[in-house]
Amino acid sequence: MSAKDLNLDATDRAILLELQKNARVSFTDLGGEVGLTSPAVRERIRKMESAGIILGYRTILNPALIGNPIRALVSLKSKHEWPEKYVPRFLDKIPEVLRYWGVTGPTDFFVEIVVTSITRLESLLERMSELGFVSTHIVLNFSGENRPF
C-alpha cells in the first residue's frame, strides 16, 4: 500500500501526533487517547508503516548527559565549487555532527554539532575551514536541554 492509497483521517492524524510525543506508547494507551481499541490502533499503525508514512522509530539522546554539553548550530559557506555529493560524505564522517541541511542564499549549509568543549568546536571549525568551509554564524546552546533550537 502506498501513501497515495491511504487517506488519513482525523484519527490517523491523532495517532501520528501521539506517536511523535511518545513512540513507545502502548497500543492500549494510544487507543484510549484516540478512541479506538488496541487492535484497531495496531492495524492503522501497520498500514501507515506499510505506506511509508511512518518511516521508523528512534531514540533521542540528551547530549549533555553523555558528555557533550555544548550544542552549536553552525552556518557554513563553501570556499570552492564542489560537487554536491562530496559535502554530505565529509559531514557524515564527523561523529559530532548530528544533522545538517543544505540551504539557499549566502549560506550553503546549517550543521548541528554537539561537542565536549569550545576547544573541540574550534578544532572542528578549523578542520572544516581547511577543507574549504568558512563559518559565518554560530549559535550556541549551553542549556543541555534536549530540544531543538
N, C-alpha and C. Protein backbone atom coordinates (compact mmCIF):
# COMPACT_ATOMS: atom_id res chain seq x y z
N MET A 1 0.85 -1.18 0.00
CA MET A 1 0.00 0.00 0.00
C MET A 1 0.89 1.24 0.00
N SER A 2 0.55 2.20 -0.84
CA SER A 2 1.34 3.43 -0.90
C SER A 2 0.62 4.53 -0.12
N ALA A 3 1.35 5.60 0.16
CA ALA A 3 0.77 6.73 0.89
C ALA A 3 -0.39 7.33 0.11
N LYS A 4 -0.34 7.27 -1.23
CA LYS A 4 -1.44 7.79 -2.05
C LYS A 4 -2.72 6.99 -1.84
N ASP A 5 -2.57 5.69 -1.56
CA ASP A 5 -3.73 4.82 -1.38
C ASP A 5 -4.36 4.96 0.01
N LEU A 6 -3.65 5.54 0.93
CA LEU A 6 -4.12 5.66 2.30
C LEU A 6 -4.58 7.08 2.56
N ASN A 7 -5.87 7.26 2.76
CA ASN A 7 -6.41 8.57 3.08
C ASN A 7 -6.42 8.74 4.59
N LEU A 8 -5.59 9.64 5.09
CA LEU A 8 -5.52 9.85 6.53
C LEU A 8 -6.75 10.61 7.00
N ASP A 9 -7.38 10.09 8.05
CA ASP A 9 -8.49 10.80 8.65
C ASP A 9 -8.02 11.45 9.95
N ALA A 10 -8.93 12.09 10.66
CA ALA A 10 -8.58 12.80 11.90
C ALA A 10 -8.00 11.84 12.94
N THR A 11 -8.50 10.61 12.98
CA THR A 11 -7.99 9.63 13.94
C THR A 11 -6.56 9.23 13.61
N ASP A 12 -6.28 9.01 12.33
CA ASP A 12 -4.90 8.69 11.91
C ASP A 12 -3.96 9.83 12.30
N ARG A 13 -4.38 11.05 12.06
CA ARG A 13 -3.55 12.21 12.40
C ARG A 13 -3.34 12.32 13.91
N ALA A 14 -4.37 11.98 14.68
CA ALA A 14 -4.23 11.99 16.14
C ALA A 14 -3.24 10.91 16.59
N ILE A 15 -3.29 9.75 15.95
CA ILE A 15 -2.34 8.68 16.27
C ILE A 15 -0.92 9.15 15.97
N LEU A 16 -0.72 9.77 14.81
CA LEU A 16 0.61 10.27 14.44
C LEU A 16 1.10 11.32 15.43
N LEU A 17 0.21 12.19 15.86
CA LEU A 17 0.60 13.21 16.83
C LEU A 17 1.03 12.57 18.14
N GLU A 18 0.29 11.60 18.62
CA GLU A 18 0.64 10.92 19.87
C GLU A 18 1.95 10.14 19.73
N LEU A 19 2.16 9.49 18.59
CA LEU A 19 3.40 8.75 18.38
C LEU A 19 4.61 9.68 18.35
N GLN A 20 4.43 10.90 17.83
CA GLN A 20 5.53 11.86 17.83
C GLN A 20 5.87 12.31 19.24
N LYS A 21 4.89 12.36 20.10
CA LYS A 21 5.14 12.72 21.50
C LYS A 21 5.84 11.59 22.24
N ASN A 22 5.41 10.34 21.96
CA ASN A 22 5.97 9.18 22.64
C ASN A 22 5.79 7.95 21.76
N ALA A 23 6.84 7.60 21.03
CA ALA A 23 6.77 6.45 20.11
C ALA A 23 6.68 5.12 20.85
N ARG A 24 6.91 5.12 22.17
CA ARG A 24 6.86 3.88 22.94
C ARG A 24 5.51 3.67 23.63
N VAL A 25 4.56 4.55 23.35
CA VAL A 25 3.25 4.42 23.97
C VAL A 25 2.64 3.07 23.57
N SER A 26 1.93 2.44 24.49
CA SER A 26 1.31 1.15 24.18
C SER A 26 0.09 1.36 23.28
N PHE A 27 -0.27 0.33 22.54
CA PHE A 27 -1.45 0.41 21.69
C PHE A 27 -2.69 0.67 22.54
N THR A 28 -2.72 0.09 23.72
CA THR A 28 -3.87 0.29 24.62
C THR A 28 -3.99 1.75 25.04
N ASP A 29 -2.87 2.33 25.49
CA ASP A 29 -2.90 3.73 25.91
C ASP A 29 -3.19 4.65 24.74
N LEU A 30 -2.61 4.34 23.58
CA LEU A 30 -2.85 5.15 22.39
C LEU A 30 -4.31 5.06 21.98
N GLY A 31 -4.86 3.86 22.04
CA GLY A 31 -6.28 3.68 21.74
C GLY A 31 -7.17 4.50 22.65
N GLY A 32 -6.81 4.56 23.94
CA GLY A 32 -7.56 5.37 24.88
C GLY A 32 -7.52 6.85 24.53
N GLU A 33 -6.40 7.31 24.00
CA GLU A 33 -6.25 8.72 23.62
C GLU A 33 -7.07 9.07 22.38
N VAL A 34 -7.18 8.12 21.45
CA VAL A 34 -7.84 8.43 20.17
C VAL A 34 -9.20 7.77 20.01
N GLY A 35 -9.63 7.01 21.02
CA GLY A 35 -10.96 6.42 20.99
C GLY A 35 -11.08 5.15 20.14
N LEU A 36 -10.03 4.34 20.12
CA LEU A 36 -10.06 3.08 19.38
C LEU A 36 -9.60 1.94 20.27
N THR A 37 -9.88 0.72 19.84
CA THR A 37 -9.37 -0.45 20.55
C THR A 37 -7.90 -0.64 20.19
N SER A 38 -7.20 -1.40 21.01
CA SER A 38 -5.80 -1.69 20.77
C SER A 38 -5.56 -2.33 19.40
N PRO A 39 -6.35 -3.36 19.00
CA PRO A 39 -6.14 -3.96 17.68
C PRO A 39 -6.39 -2.96 16.53
N ALA A 40 -7.35 -2.06 16.70
CA ALA A 40 -7.63 -1.08 15.65
C ALA A 40 -6.46 -0.10 15.50
N VAL A 41 -5.87 0.31 16.62
CA VAL A 41 -4.71 1.19 16.58
C VAL A 41 -3.53 0.48 15.92
N ARG A 42 -3.29 -0.77 16.32
CA ARG A 42 -2.20 -1.55 15.75
C ARG A 42 -2.34 -1.64 14.23
N GLU A 43 -3.55 -1.92 13.74
CA GLU A 43 -3.79 -2.05 12.30
C GLU A 43 -3.57 -0.73 11.57
N ARG A 44 -4.02 0.37 12.13
CA ARG A 44 -3.81 1.67 11.50
C ARG A 44 -2.31 2.01 11.43
N ILE A 45 -1.59 1.73 12.51
CA ILE A 45 -0.15 1.99 12.52
C ILE A 45 0.55 1.11 11.49
N ARG A 46 0.18 -0.16 11.42
CA ARG A 46 0.77 -1.08 10.44
C ARG A 46 0.55 -0.56 9.02
N LYS A 47 -0.64 -0.07 8.72
CA LYS A 47 -0.94 0.46 7.38
C LYS A 47 -0.10 1.71 7.10
N MET A 48 0.05 2.57 8.10
CA MET A 48 0.85 3.78 7.89
C MET A 48 2.33 3.44 7.73
N GLU A 49 2.80 2.40 8.41
CA GLU A 49 4.18 1.94 8.22
C GLU A 49 4.35 1.37 6.81
N SER A 50 3.42 0.53 6.38
CA SER A 50 3.48 -0.09 5.04
C SER A 50 3.41 0.95 3.94
N ALA A 51 2.66 2.02 4.17
CA ALA A 51 2.50 3.07 3.16
C ALA A 51 3.70 4.03 3.15
N GLY A 52 4.60 3.89 4.12
CA GLY A 52 5.77 4.77 4.16
C GLY A 52 5.51 6.09 4.86
N ILE A 53 4.38 6.22 5.51
CA ILE A 53 4.09 7.45 6.26
C ILE A 53 4.90 7.46 7.54
N ILE A 54 4.93 6.34 8.23
CA ILE A 54 5.79 6.18 9.41
C ILE A 54 7.07 5.50 8.91
N LEU A 55 8.17 6.21 9.00
CA LEU A 55 9.44 5.70 8.47
C LEU A 55 10.24 4.91 9.48
N GLY A 56 9.96 5.12 10.77
CA GLY A 56 10.71 4.39 11.78
C GLY A 56 10.57 5.05 13.13
N TYR A 57 11.29 4.51 14.08
CA TYR A 57 11.27 4.99 15.44
C TYR A 57 12.71 5.15 15.88
N ARG A 58 12.98 6.12 16.75
CA ARG A 58 14.36 6.33 17.15
C ARG A 58 14.44 6.78 18.60
N THR A 59 15.63 6.63 19.13
CA THR A 59 15.92 7.09 20.47
C THR A 59 16.58 8.45 20.36
N ILE A 60 16.11 9.40 21.14
CA ILE A 60 16.70 10.73 21.15
C ILE A 60 17.48 10.87 22.45
N LEU A 61 18.76 11.14 22.33
CA LEU A 61 19.64 11.23 23.49
C LEU A 61 19.79 12.68 23.94
N ASN A 62 20.10 12.86 25.20
CA ASN A 62 20.43 14.17 25.72
C ASN A 62 21.95 14.29 25.66
N PRO A 63 22.48 15.06 24.69
CA PRO A 63 23.94 15.13 24.51
C PRO A 63 24.68 15.56 25.77
N ALA A 64 24.11 16.47 26.54
CA ALA A 64 24.79 16.97 27.74
C ALA A 64 25.03 15.85 28.75
N LEU A 65 24.10 14.93 28.86
CA LEU A 65 24.22 13.87 29.86
C LEU A 65 25.13 12.74 29.42
N ILE A 66 25.57 12.75 28.18
CA ILE A 66 26.52 11.73 27.72
C ILE A 66 27.85 12.36 27.33
N GLY A 67 28.12 13.55 27.87
CA GLY A 67 29.44 14.14 27.73
C GLY A 67 29.61 15.21 26.67
N ASN A 68 28.53 15.65 26.04
CA ASN A 68 28.61 16.71 25.03
C ASN A 68 27.70 17.87 25.41
N PRO A 69 28.12 18.70 26.36
CA PRO A 69 27.23 19.74 26.88
C PRO A 69 27.03 20.94 25.96
N ILE A 70 27.82 21.05 24.90
CA ILE A 70 27.72 22.21 24.04
C ILE A 70 27.12 21.81 22.70
N ARG A 71 26.04 22.48 22.35
CA ARG A 71 25.38 22.24 21.08
C ARG A 71 25.51 23.51 20.25
N ALA A 72 25.93 23.37 19.01
CA ALA A 72 26.11 24.53 18.15
C ALA A 72 25.39 24.32 16.83
N LEU A 73 24.78 25.37 16.35
CA LEU A 73 24.22 25.39 15.01
C LEU A 73 25.14 26.29 14.20
N VAL A 74 25.85 25.69 13.26
CA VAL A 74 26.89 26.40 12.52
C VAL A 74 26.41 26.65 11.10
N SER A 75 26.60 27.87 10.65
CA SER A 75 26.30 28.24 9.28
C SER A 75 27.58 28.19 8.48
N LEU A 76 27.59 27.40 7.41
CA LEU A 76 28.81 27.21 6.63
C LEU A 76 28.63 27.65 5.19
N LYS A 77 29.67 28.25 4.67
CA LYS A 77 29.73 28.67 3.27
C LYS A 77 30.94 28.01 2.64
N SER A 78 30.76 27.36 1.51
CA SER A 78 31.87 26.71 0.82
C SER A 78 32.75 27.75 0.14
N LYS A 79 34.07 27.55 0.22
CA LYS A 79 35.01 28.42 -0.48
C LYS A 79 35.14 28.04 -1.95
N HIS A 80 34.79 26.80 -2.26
CA HIS A 80 35.03 26.25 -3.59
C HIS A 80 33.74 25.71 -4.20
N GLU A 81 33.78 25.54 -5.47
CA GLU A 81 32.68 24.88 -6.18
C GLU A 81 32.92 23.37 -6.10
N TRP A 82 32.29 22.71 -5.16
CA TRP A 82 32.46 21.26 -5.01
C TRP A 82 31.19 20.55 -5.45
N PRO A 83 31.36 19.34 -5.90
CA PRO A 83 30.16 18.57 -6.23
C PRO A 83 29.30 18.40 -4.97
N GLU A 84 28.01 18.49 -5.18
CA GLU A 84 27.07 18.42 -4.06
C GLU A 84 27.21 17.13 -3.25
N LYS A 85 27.62 16.05 -3.87
CA LYS A 85 27.73 14.76 -3.17
C LYS A 85 28.91 14.71 -2.21
N TYR A 86 29.91 15.55 -2.39
CA TYR A 86 31.10 15.49 -1.54
C TYR A 86 30.82 15.99 -0.13
N VAL A 87 30.09 17.07 -0.01
CA VAL A 87 29.89 17.69 1.30
C VAL A 87 29.18 16.75 2.28
N PRO A 88 28.07 16.11 1.90
CA PRO A 88 27.46 15.17 2.84
C PRO A 88 28.40 14.04 3.26
N ARG A 89 29.20 13.53 2.33
CA ARG A 89 30.14 12.47 2.69
C ARG A 89 31.16 12.95 3.71
N PHE A 90 31.59 14.20 3.58
CA PHE A 90 32.52 14.79 4.52
C PHE A 90 31.87 14.95 5.90
N LEU A 91 30.67 15.53 5.94
CA LEU A 91 29.99 15.77 7.21
C LEU A 91 29.59 14.46 7.89
N ASP A 92 29.24 13.45 7.11
CA ASP A 92 28.85 12.16 7.68
C ASP A 92 29.99 11.48 8.44
N LYS A 93 31.22 11.86 8.16
CA LYS A 93 32.38 11.25 8.82
C LYS A 93 32.72 11.90 10.16
N ILE A 94 32.03 12.97 10.50
CA ILE A 94 32.32 13.68 11.75
C ILE A 94 31.30 13.24 12.80
N PRO A 95 31.73 12.49 13.83
CA PRO A 95 30.77 11.95 14.81
C PRO A 95 29.98 13.03 15.55
N GLU A 96 30.55 14.20 15.72
CA GLU A 96 29.88 15.26 16.46
C GLU A 96 28.76 15.95 15.66
N VAL A 97 28.70 15.69 14.37
CA VAL A 97 27.64 16.27 13.54
C VAL A 97 26.38 15.43 13.71
N LEU A 98 25.34 16.05 14.27
CA LEU A 98 24.08 15.35 14.46
C LEU A 98 23.28 15.31 13.17
N ARG A 99 23.19 16.46 12.50
CA ARG A 99 22.44 16.57 11.25
C ARG A 99 22.84 17.84 10.55
N TYR A 100 22.49 17.93 9.29
CA TYR A 100 22.82 19.12 8.50
C TYR A 100 21.77 19.32 7.42
N TRP A 101 21.70 20.55 6.97
CA TRP A 101 20.74 20.93 5.95
C TRP A 101 21.43 21.76 4.89
N GLY A 102 21.23 21.45 3.63
CA GLY A 102 21.66 22.30 2.53
C GLY A 102 20.63 23.41 2.39
N VAL A 103 21.09 24.64 2.26
CA VAL A 103 20.18 25.78 2.19
C VAL A 103 20.55 26.68 1.02
N THR A 104 19.64 27.56 0.68
CA THR A 104 19.90 28.53 -0.38
C THR A 104 20.28 29.86 0.24
N GLY A 105 20.80 30.75 -0.58
CA GLY A 105 21.21 32.06 -0.10
C GLY A 105 22.70 32.12 0.12
N PRO A 106 23.14 33.05 0.97
CA PRO A 106 24.58 33.24 1.17
C PRO A 106 25.25 32.11 1.94
N THR A 107 24.47 31.26 2.58
CA THR A 107 24.99 30.11 3.32
C THR A 107 24.70 28.85 2.53
N ASP A 108 25.62 27.90 2.57
CA ASP A 108 25.40 26.63 1.87
C ASP A 108 24.80 25.55 2.76
N PHE A 109 25.21 25.56 4.05
CA PHE A 109 24.77 24.51 4.96
C PHE A 109 24.56 25.05 6.36
N PHE A 110 23.57 24.50 7.06
CA PHE A 110 23.46 24.63 8.51
C PHE A 110 23.83 23.26 9.07
N VAL A 111 24.70 23.24 10.07
CA VAL A 111 25.18 21.99 10.63
C VAL A 111 24.97 22.01 12.14
N GLU A 112 24.28 21.02 12.67
CA GLU A 112 24.09 20.90 14.11
C GLU A 112 25.18 20.00 14.67
N ILE A 113 25.91 20.52 15.65
CA ILE A 113 27.06 19.84 16.22
C ILE A 113 26.91 19.79 17.73
N VAL A 114 27.29 18.67 18.35
CA VAL A 114 27.40 18.59 19.80
C VAL A 114 28.85 18.25 20.13
N VAL A 115 29.41 18.96 21.10
CA VAL A 115 30.82 18.77 21.44
C VAL A 115 31.04 18.82 22.94
N THR A 116 32.22 18.34 23.33
CA THR A 116 32.58 18.31 24.74
C THR A 116 33.03 19.67 25.25
N SER A 117 33.55 20.53 24.35
CA SER A 117 34.10 21.81 24.80
C SER A 117 34.16 22.80 23.65
N ILE A 118 34.35 24.05 23.99
CA ILE A 118 34.54 25.09 22.98
C ILE A 118 35.82 24.80 22.19
N THR A 119 36.82 24.28 22.87
CA THR A 119 38.07 23.93 22.19
C THR A 119 37.81 22.91 21.09
N ARG A 120 37.00 21.90 21.38
CA ARG A 120 36.67 20.87 20.38
C ARG A 120 35.87 21.49 19.24
N LEU A 121 34.95 22.40 19.54
CA LEU A 121 34.19 23.08 18.50
C LEU A 121 35.13 23.87 17.59
N GLU A 122 36.06 24.60 18.20
CA GLU A 122 37.03 25.37 17.41
C GLU A 122 37.86 24.45 16.53
N SER A 123 38.23 23.29 17.04
CA SER A 123 39.00 22.32 16.26
C SER A 123 38.20 21.83 15.05
N LEU A 124 36.92 21.53 15.26
CA LEU A 124 36.08 21.08 14.15
C LEU A 124 35.93 22.18 13.10
N LEU A 125 35.73 23.41 13.55
CA LEU A 125 35.57 24.51 12.60
C LEU A 125 36.85 24.75 11.82
N GLU A 126 37.98 24.58 12.48
CA GLU A 126 39.27 24.72 11.79
C GLU A 126 39.42 23.63 10.73
N ARG A 127 39.04 22.42 11.07
CA ARG A 127 39.11 21.31 10.12
C ARG A 127 38.21 21.58 8.91
N MET A 128 37.00 22.08 9.16
CA MET A 128 36.09 22.41 8.07
C MET A 128 36.67 23.52 7.20
N SER A 129 37.30 24.49 7.83
CA SER A 129 37.89 25.61 7.11
C SER A 129 39.02 25.14 6.20
N GLU A 130 39.83 24.21 6.69
CA GLU A 130 40.94 23.69 5.88
C GLU A 130 40.43 22.93 4.66
N LEU A 131 39.23 22.37 4.77
CA LEU A 131 38.66 21.62 3.66
C LEU A 131 37.79 22.47 2.75
N GLY A 132 37.79 23.77 3.00
CA GLY A 132 37.08 24.66 2.10
C GLY A 132 35.82 25.28 2.65
N PHE A 133 35.62 25.22 3.94
CA PHE A 133 34.46 25.84 4.54
C PHE A 133 34.86 27.04 5.38
N VAL A 134 33.96 27.98 5.51
CA VAL A 134 34.16 29.11 6.39
C VAL A 134 32.92 29.21 7.25
N SER A 135 33.09 29.32 8.55
CA SER A 135 31.96 29.51 9.44
C SER A 135 31.53 30.96 9.38
N THR A 136 30.26 31.18 9.12
CA THR A 136 29.77 32.55 9.05
C THR A 136 28.92 32.93 10.25
N HIS A 137 28.28 31.96 10.87
CA HIS A 137 27.49 32.20 12.09
C HIS A 137 27.56 30.96 12.96
N ILE A 138 27.56 31.18 14.26
CA ILE A 138 27.50 30.07 15.20
C ILE A 138 26.48 30.44 16.27
N VAL A 139 25.53 29.54 16.54
CA VAL A 139 24.56 29.71 17.61
C VAL A 139 24.85 28.63 18.63
N LEU A 140 25.14 29.01 19.86
CA LEU A 140 25.47 28.04 20.90
C LEU A 140 24.30 27.86 21.85
N ASN A 141 24.09 26.63 22.30
CA ASN A 141 23.07 26.31 23.28
C ASN A 141 23.78 25.60 24.43
N PHE A 142 23.95 26.30 25.54
CA PHE A 142 24.65 25.74 26.69
C PHE A 142 23.72 25.07 27.69
N SER A 143 22.42 25.11 27.44
CA SER A 143 21.47 24.63 28.43
C SER A 143 21.53 23.12 28.60
N GLY A 144 21.95 22.39 27.57
CA GLY A 144 21.97 20.94 27.66
C GLY A 144 20.61 20.31 27.54
N GLU A 145 19.58 21.12 27.32
CA GLU A 145 18.24 20.57 27.19
C GLU A 145 18.09 19.86 25.86
N ASN A 146 17.36 18.80 25.87
CA ASN A 146 17.16 18.00 24.68
C ASN A 146 15.95 18.52 23.90
N ARG A 147 16.14 19.64 23.27
CA ARG A 147 15.07 20.20 22.46
C ARG A 147 15.70 20.95 21.29
N PRO A 148 14.94 21.13 20.25
CA PRO A 148 15.51 21.82 19.08
C PRO A 148 15.80 23.28 19.39
N PHE A 149 16.64 23.88 18.57
CA PHE A 149 16.94 25.29 18.71
C PHE A 149 15.69 26.11 18.52
